[in-house]
Amino acid sequence: MGRREKDFLIGFERAAILTRRVLASPPTYMTAQAYVEDVVDLHADSEDLVSRGLVVGCLAALGKG
């Protein structure tokens, strides 16, 4: 497995950790889904493969990917 694939999988792993934590303890100022959608919006245009993995993982957690 190359560096690019590893970076993407690191981002995907971070998305899994993030969504698990947000669903277990949602923020008080917005829904867990809105929070994860904001994370997607923040990272959607990134060229970084870790960020791309994060976006794809978050979208998958929301059932949109």
PDB file of N, CA and C in Angstrom:
ATOM      1  N   MET A   1       0.853  -1.166   0.000  1.00  0.00           N
ATOM      2  CA  MET A   1       0.000   0.000   0.000  1.00  0.00           C
ATOM      3  C   MET A   1       0.901   1.233   0.000  1.00  0.00           C
ATOM      4  N   GLY A   2       0.598   2.151  -0.880  1.00  0.00           N
ATOM      5  CA  GLY A   2       1.391   3.366  -1.010  1.00  0.00           C
ATOM      6  C   GLY A   2       1.011   4.443   0.000  1.00  0.00           C
ATOM      7  N   ARG A   3       1.799   5.486  -0.003  1.00  0.00           N
ATOM      8  CA  ARG A   3       1.592   6.605   0.921  1.00  0.00           C
ATOM      9  C   ARG A   3       0.227   7.261   0.716  1.00  0.00           C
ATOM     10  N   ARG A   4      -0.178   7.424  -0.536  1.00  0.00           N
ATOM     11  CA  ARG A   4      -1.460   8.076  -0.822  1.00  0.00           C
ATOM     12  C   ARG A   4      -2.630   7.281  -0.244  1.00  0.00           C
ATOM     13  N   GLU A   5      -2.588   5.984  -0.398  1.00  0.00           N
ATOM     14  CA  GLU A   5      -3.655   5.140   0.134  1.00  0.00           C
ATOM     15  C   GLU A   5      -3.678   5.186   1.654  1.00  0.00           C
ATOM     16  N   LYS A   6      -2.492   5.172   2.263  1.00  0.00           N
ATOM     17  CA  LYS A   6      -2.412   5.238   3.723  1.00  0.00           C
ATOM     18  C   LYS A   6      -2.974   6.557   4.238  1.00  0.00           C
ATOM     19  N   ASP A   7      -2.646   7.668   3.573  1.00  0.00           N
ATOM     20  CA  ASP A   7      -3.167   8.969   3.986  1.00  0.00           C
ATOM     21  C   ASP A   7      -4.694   8.997   3.911  1.00  0.00           C
ATOM     22  N   PHE A   8      -5.237   8.462   2.831  1.00  0.00           N
ATOM     23  CA  PHE A   8      -6.692   8.431   2.674  1.00  0.00           C
ATOM     24  C   PHE A   8      -7.326   7.605   3.793  1.00  0.00           C
ATOM     25  N   LEU A   9      -6.749   6.465   4.102  1.00  0.00           N
ATOM     26  CA  LEU A   9      -7.299   5.605   5.154  1.00  0.00           C
ATOM     27  C   LEU A   9      -7.159   6.240   6.538  1.00  0.00           C
ATOM     28  N   ILE A  10      -6.108   7.019   6.752  1.00  0.00           N
ATOM     29  CA  ILE A  10      -5.971   7.753   8.015  1.00  0.00           C
ATOM     30  C   ILE A  10      -7.136   8.724   8.163  1.00  0.00           C
ATOM     31  N   GLY A  11      -7.472   9.429   7.094  1.00  0.00           N
ATOM     32  CA  GLY A  11      -8.608  10.349   7.132  1.00  0.00           C
ATOM     33  C   GLY A  11      -9.917   9.630   7.374  1.00  0.00           C
ATOM     34  N   PHE A  12     -10.084   8.485   6.738  1.00  0.00           N
ATOM     35  CA  PHE A  12     -11.298   7.695   6.921  1.00  0.00           C
ATOM     36  C   PHE A  12     -11.406   7.223   8.374  1.00  0.00           C
ATOM     37  N   GLU A  13     -10.285   6.816   8.945  1.00  0.00           N
ATOM     38  CA  GLU A  13     -10.267   6.405  10.353  1.00  0.00           C
ATOM     39  C   GLU A  13     -10.640   7.574  11.265  1.00  0.00           C
ATOM     40  N   ARG A  14     -10.115   8.746  10.972  1.00  0.00           N
ATOM     41  CA  ARG A  14     -10.453   9.936  11.771  1.00  0.00           C
ATOM     42  C   ARG A  14     -11.939  10.247  11.691  1.00  0.00           C
ATOM     43  N   ALA A  15     -12.539  10.041  10.527  1.00  0.00           N
ATOM     44  CA  ALA A  15     -13.981  10.259  10.374  1.00  0.00           C
ATOM     45  C   ALA A  15     -14.759   9.288  11.249  1.00  0.00           C
ATOM     46  N   ALA A  16     -14.313   8.041  11.289  1.00  0.00           N
ATOM     47  CA  ALA A  16     -14.995   7.047  12.126  1.00  0.00           C
ATOM     48  C   ALA A  16     -14.917   7.428  13.595  1.00  0.00           C
ATOM     49  N   ILE A  17     -13.753   7.860  14.036  1.00  0.00           N
ATOM     50  CA  ILE A  17     -13.578   8.270  15.440  1.00  0.00           C
ATOM     51  C   ILE A  17     -14.429   9.503  15.731  1.00  0.00           C
ATOM     52  N   LEU A  18     -14.387  10.479  14.827  1.00  0.00           N
ATOM     53  CA  LEU A  18     -15.152  11.708  15.017  1.00  0.00           C
ATOM     54  C   LEU A  18     -16.650  11.430  15.106  1.00  0.00           C
ATOM     55  N   THR A  19     -17.174  10.682  14.152  1.00  0.00           N
ATOM     56  CA  THR A  19     -18.622  10.450  14.157  1.00  0.00           C
ATOM     57  C   THR A  19     -19.047   9.626  15.368  1.00  0.00           C
ATOM     58  N   ARG A  20     -18.231   8.675  15.778  1.00  0.00           N
ATOM     59  CA  ARG A  20     -18.563   7.892  16.971  1.00  0.00           C
ATOM     60  C   ARG A  20     -18.629   8.791  18.206  1.00  0.00           C
ATOM     61  N   ARG A  21     -17.671   9.689  18.343  1.00  0.00           N
ATOM     62  CA  ARG A  21     -17.653  10.598  19.502  1.00  0.00           C
ATOM     63  C   ARG A  21     -18.801  11.599  19.462  1.00  0.00           C
ATOM     64  N   VAL A  22     -19.078  12.129  18.265  1.00  0.00           N
ATOM     65  CA  VAL A  22     -20.144  13.133  18.144  1.00  0.00           C
ATOM     66  C   VAL A  22     -21.504  12.489  18.386  1.00  0.00           C
ATOM     67  N   LEU A  23     -21.700  11.283  17.901  1.00  0.00           N
ATOM     68  CA  LEU A  23     -22.978  10.602  18.135  1.00  0.00           C
ATOM     69  C   LEU A  23     -23.144  10.205  19.599  1.00  0.00           C
ATOM     70  N   ALA A  24     -22.046   9.844  20.249  1.00  0.00           N
ATOM     71  CA  ALA A  24     -22.112   9.449  21.650  1.00  0.00           C
ATOM     72  C   ALA A  24     -22.337  10.654  22.564  1.00  0.00           C
ATOM     73  N   SER A  25     -21.794  11.789  22.179  1.00  0.00           N
ATOM     74  CA  SER A  25     -21.908  12.998  22.994  1.00  0.00           C
ATOM     75  C   SER A  25     -22.087  14.199  22.066  1.00  0.00           C
ATOM     76  N   PRO A  26     -23.308  14.387  21.551  1.00  0.00           N
ATOM     77  CA  PRO A  26     -23.544  15.453  20.573  1.00  0.00           C
ATOM     78  C   PRO A  26     -23.351  16.836  21.199  1.00  0.00           C
ATOM     79  N   PRO A  27     -22.929  17.802  20.382  1.00  0.00           N
ATOM     80  CA  PRO A  27     -22.795  19.162  20.890  1.00  0.00           C
ATOM     81  C   PRO A  27     -24.158  19.725  21.272  1.00  0.00           C
ATOM     82  N   THR A  28     -24.165  20.636  22.201  1.00  0.00           N
ATOM     83  CA  THR A  28     -25.428  21.199  22.676  1.00  0.00           C
ATOM     84  C   THR A  28     -25.981  22.279  21.755  1.00  0.00           C
ATOM     85  N   TYR A  29     -25.152  22.828  20.899  1.00  0.00           N
ATOM     86  CA  TYR A  29     -25.549  23.957  20.063  1.00  0.00           C
ATOM     87  C   TYR A  29     -26.026  23.558  18.663  1.00  0.00           C
ATOM     88  N   MET A  30     -25.912  22.279  18.313  1.00  0.00           N
ATOM     89  CA  MET A  30     -26.395  21.793  17.020  1.00  0.00           C
ATOM     90  C   MET A  30     -26.537  20.279  17.079  1.00  0.00           C
ATOM     91  N   THR A  31     -27.175  19.720  16.073  1.00  0.00           N
ATOM     92  CA  THR A  31     -27.318  18.266  16.039  1.00  0.00           C
ATOM     93  C   THR A  31     -26.001  17.622  15.635  1.00  0.00           C
ATOM     94  N   ALA A  32     -25.871  16.365  15.950  1.00  0.00           N
ATOM     95  CA  ALA A  32     -24.668  15.622  15.572  1.00  0.00           C
ATOM     96  C   ALA A  32     -24.527  15.586  14.053  1.00  0.00           C
ATOM     97  N   GLN A  33     -25.626  15.397  13.347  1.00  0.00           N
ATOM     98  CA  GLN A  33     -25.580  15.357  11.891  1.00  0.00           C
ATOM     99  C   GLN A  33     -25.117  16.695  11.321  1.00  0.00           C
ATOM    100  N   ALA A  34     -25.622  17.803  11.843  1.00  0.00           N
ATOM    101  CA  ALA A  34     -25.211  19.122  11.364  1.00  0.00           C
ATOM    102  C   ALA A  34     -23.723  19.359  11.630  1.00  0.00           C
ATOM    103  N   TYR A  35     -23.234  18.865  12.759  1.00  0.00           N
ATOM    104  CA  TYR A  35     -21.826  19.009  13.091  1.00  0.00           C
ATOM    105  C   TYR A  35     -20.957  18.259  12.077  1.00  0.00           C
ATOM    106  N   VAL A  36     -21.321  17.024  11.788  1.00  0.00           N
ATOM    107  CA  VAL A  36     -20.553  16.225  10.837  1.00  0.00           C
ATOM    108  C   VAL A  36     -20.644  16.846   9.437  1.00  0.00           C
ATOM    109  N   GLU A  37     -21.804  17.376   9.069  1.00  0.00           N
ATOM    110  CA  GLU A  37     -21.946  18.049   7.776  1.00  0.00           C
ATOM    111  C   GLU A  37     -21.048  19.280   7.695  1.00  0.00           C
ATOM    112  N   ASP A  38     -20.903  20.017   8.799  1.00  0.00           N
ATOM    113  CA  ASP A  38     -19.995  21.164   8.830  1.00  0.00           C
ATOM    114  C   ASP A  38     -18.548  20.727   8.641  1.00  0.00           C
ATOM    115  N   VAL A  39     -18.171  19.608   9.230  1.00  0.00           N
ATOM    116  CA  VAL A  39     -16.820  19.075   9.033  1.00  0.00           C
ATOM    117  C   VAL A  39     -16.597  18.761   7.560  1.00  0.00           C
ATOM    118  N   VAL A  40     -17.591  18.163   6.929  1.00  0.00           N
ATOM    119  CA  VAL A  40     -17.499  17.857   5.497  1.00  0.00           C
ATOM    120  C   VAL A  40     -17.313  19.141   4.703  1.00  0.00           C
ATOM    121  N   ASP A  41     -18.104  20.156   4.998  1.00  0.00           N
ATOM    122  CA  ASP A  41     -18.005  21.428   4.281  1.00  0.00           C
ATOM    123  C   ASP A  41     -16.629  22.064   4.448  1.00  0.00           C
ATOM    124  N   LEU A  42     -16.058  21.969   5.632  1.00  0.00           N
ATOM    125  CA  LEU A  42     -14.749  22.571   5.888  1.00  0.00           C
ATOM    126  C   LEU A  42     -13.626  21.883   5.120  1.00  0.00           C
ATOM    127  N   HIS A  43     -13.748  20.594   4.897  1.00  0.00           N
ATOM    128  CA  HIS A  43     -12.675  19.831   4.274  1.00  0.00           C
ATOM    129  C   HIS A  43     -12.941  19.437   2.823  1.00  0.00           C
ATOM    130  N   ALA A  44     -14.088  19.766   2.300  1.00  0.00           N
ATOM    131  CA  ALA A  44     -14.508  19.281   0.979  1.00  0.00           C
ATOM    132  C   ALA A  44     -13.586  19.703  -0.153  1.00  0.00           C
ATOM    133  N   ASP A  45     -13.000  20.872  -0.097  1.00  0.00           N
ATOM    134  CA  ASP A  45     -12.184  21.384  -1.198  1.00  0.00           C
ATOM    135  C   ASP A  45     -10.692  21.120  -1.022  1.00  0.00           C
ATOM    136  N   SER A  46     -10.337  20.376  -0.022  1.00  0.00           N
ATOM    137  CA  SER A  46      -8.926  20.148   0.278  1.00  0.00           C
ATOM    138  C   SER A  46      -8.278  19.209  -0.737  1.00  0.00           C
ATOM    139  N   GLU A  47      -7.040  19.469  -1.034  1.00  0.00           N
ATOM    140  CA  GLU A  47      -6.246  18.598  -1.907  1.00  0.00           C
ATOM    141  C   GLU A  47      -5.578  17.486  -1.099  1.00  0.00           C
ATOM    142  N   ASP A  48      -5.532  17.639   0.206  1.00  0.00           N
ATOM    143  CA  ASP A  48      -4.880  16.693   1.107  1.00  0.00           C
ATOM    144  C   ASP A  48      -5.677  15.391   1.174  1.00  0.00           C
ATOM    145  N   LEU A  49      -5.006  14.270   1.020  1.00  0.00           N
ATOM    146  CA  LEU A  49      -5.709  12.989   0.998  1.00  0.00           C
ATOM    147  C   LEU A  49      -6.254  12.588   2.366  1.00  0.00           C
ATOM    148  N   VAL A  50      -5.636  13.058   3.438  1.00  0.00           N
ATOM    149  CA  VAL A  50      -6.188  12.787   4.767  1.00  0.00           C
ATOM    150  C   VAL A  50      -7.541  13.485   4.889  1.00  0.00           C
ATOM    151  N   SER A  51      -7.611  14.726   4.438  1.00  0.00           N
ATOM    152  CA  SER A  51      -8.885  15.456   4.472  1.00  0.00           C
ATOM    153  C   SER A  51      -9.922  14.824   3.561  1.00  0.00           C
ATOM    154  N   ARG A  52      -9.498  14.356   2.421  1.00  0.00           N
ATOM    155  CA  ARG A  52     -10.436  13.686   1.506  1.00  0.00           C
ATOM    156  C   ARG A  52     -10.986  12.407   2.132  1.00  0.00           C
ATOM    157  N   GLY A  53     -10.126  11.663   2.805  1.00  0.00           N
ATOM    158  CA  GLY A  53     -10.586  10.465   3.508  1.00  0.00           C
ATOM    159  C   GLY A  53     -11.568  10.815   4.607  1.00  0.00           C
ATOM    160  N   LEU A  54     -11.299  11.922   5.297  1.00  0.00           N
ATOM    161  CA  LEU A  54     -12.195  12.400   6.351  1.00  0.00           C
ATOM    162  C   LEU A  54     -13.564  12.723   5.777  1.00  0.00           C
ATOM    163  N   VAL A  55     -13.585  13.416   4.650  1.00  0.00           N
ATOM    164  CA  VAL A  55     -14.850  13.783   4.013  1.00  0.00           C
ATOM    165  C   VAL A  55     -15.632  12.538   3.587  1.00  0.00           C
ATOM    166  N   VAL A  56     -14.976  11.611   2.934  1.00  0.00           N
ATOM    167  CA  VAL A  56     -15.653  10.409   2.472  1.00  0.00           C
ATOM    168  C   VAL A  56     -16.172   9.592   3.659  1.00  0.00           C
ATOM    169  N   GLY A  57     -15.386   9.501   4.707  1.00  0.00           N
ATOM    170  CA  GLY A  57     -15.821   8.766   5.901  1.00  0.00           C
ATOM    171  C   GLY A  57     -17.021   9.408   6.565  1.00  0.00           C
ATOM    172  N   CYS A  58     -17.002  10.740   6.650  1.00  0.00           N
ATOM    173  CA  CYS A  58     -18.137  11.452   7.252  1.00  0.00           C
ATOM    174  C   CYS A  58     -19.398  11.287   6.405  1.00  0.00           C
ATOM    175  N   LEU A  59     -19.242  11.406   5.087  1.00  0.00           N
ATOM    176  CA  LEU A  59     -20.394  11.217   4.205  1.00  0.00           C
ATOM    177  C   LEU A  59     -20.953   9.800   4.310  1.00  0.00           C
ATOM    178  N   ALA A  60     -20.066   8.835   4.418  1.00  0.00           N
ATOM    179  CA  ALA A  60     -20.521   7.456   4.581  1.00  0.00           C
ATOM    180  C   ALA A  60     -21.271   7.281   5.893  1.00  0.00           C
ATOM    181  N   ALA A  61     -20.789   7.919   6.944  1.00  0.00           N
ATOM    182  CA  ALA A  61     -21.469   7.826   8.236  1.00  0.00           C
ATOM    183  C   ALA A  61     -22.856   8.458   8.182  1.00  0.00           C
ATOM    184  N   LEU A  62     -22.997   9.475   7.343  1.00  0.00           N
ATOM    185  CA  LEU A  62     -24.300  10.135   7.190  1.00  0.00           C
ATOM    186  C   LEU A  62     -25.192   9.406   6.190  1.00  0.00           C
ATOM    187  N   GLY A  63     -24.668   8.380   5.544  1.00  0.00           N
ATOM    188  CA  GLY A  63     -25.433   7.651   4.543  1.00  0.00           C
ATOM    189  C   GLY A  63     -25.494   8.363   3.221  1.00  0.00           C
ATOM    190  N   LYS A  64     -24.547   9.250   2.965  1.00  0.00           N
ATOM    191  CA  LYS A  64     -24.552  10.033   1.721  1.00  0.00           C
ATOM    192  C   LYS A  64     -23.375   9.691   0.822  1.00  0.00           C
ATOM    193  N   GLY A  65     -22.583   8.707   1.194  1.00  0.00           N
ATOM    194  CA  GLY A  65     -21.380   8.460   0.410  1.00  0.00           C
ATOM    195  C   GLY A  65     -21.309   7.166  -0.258  1.00  0.00           C
TER     196      GLY A  65
END
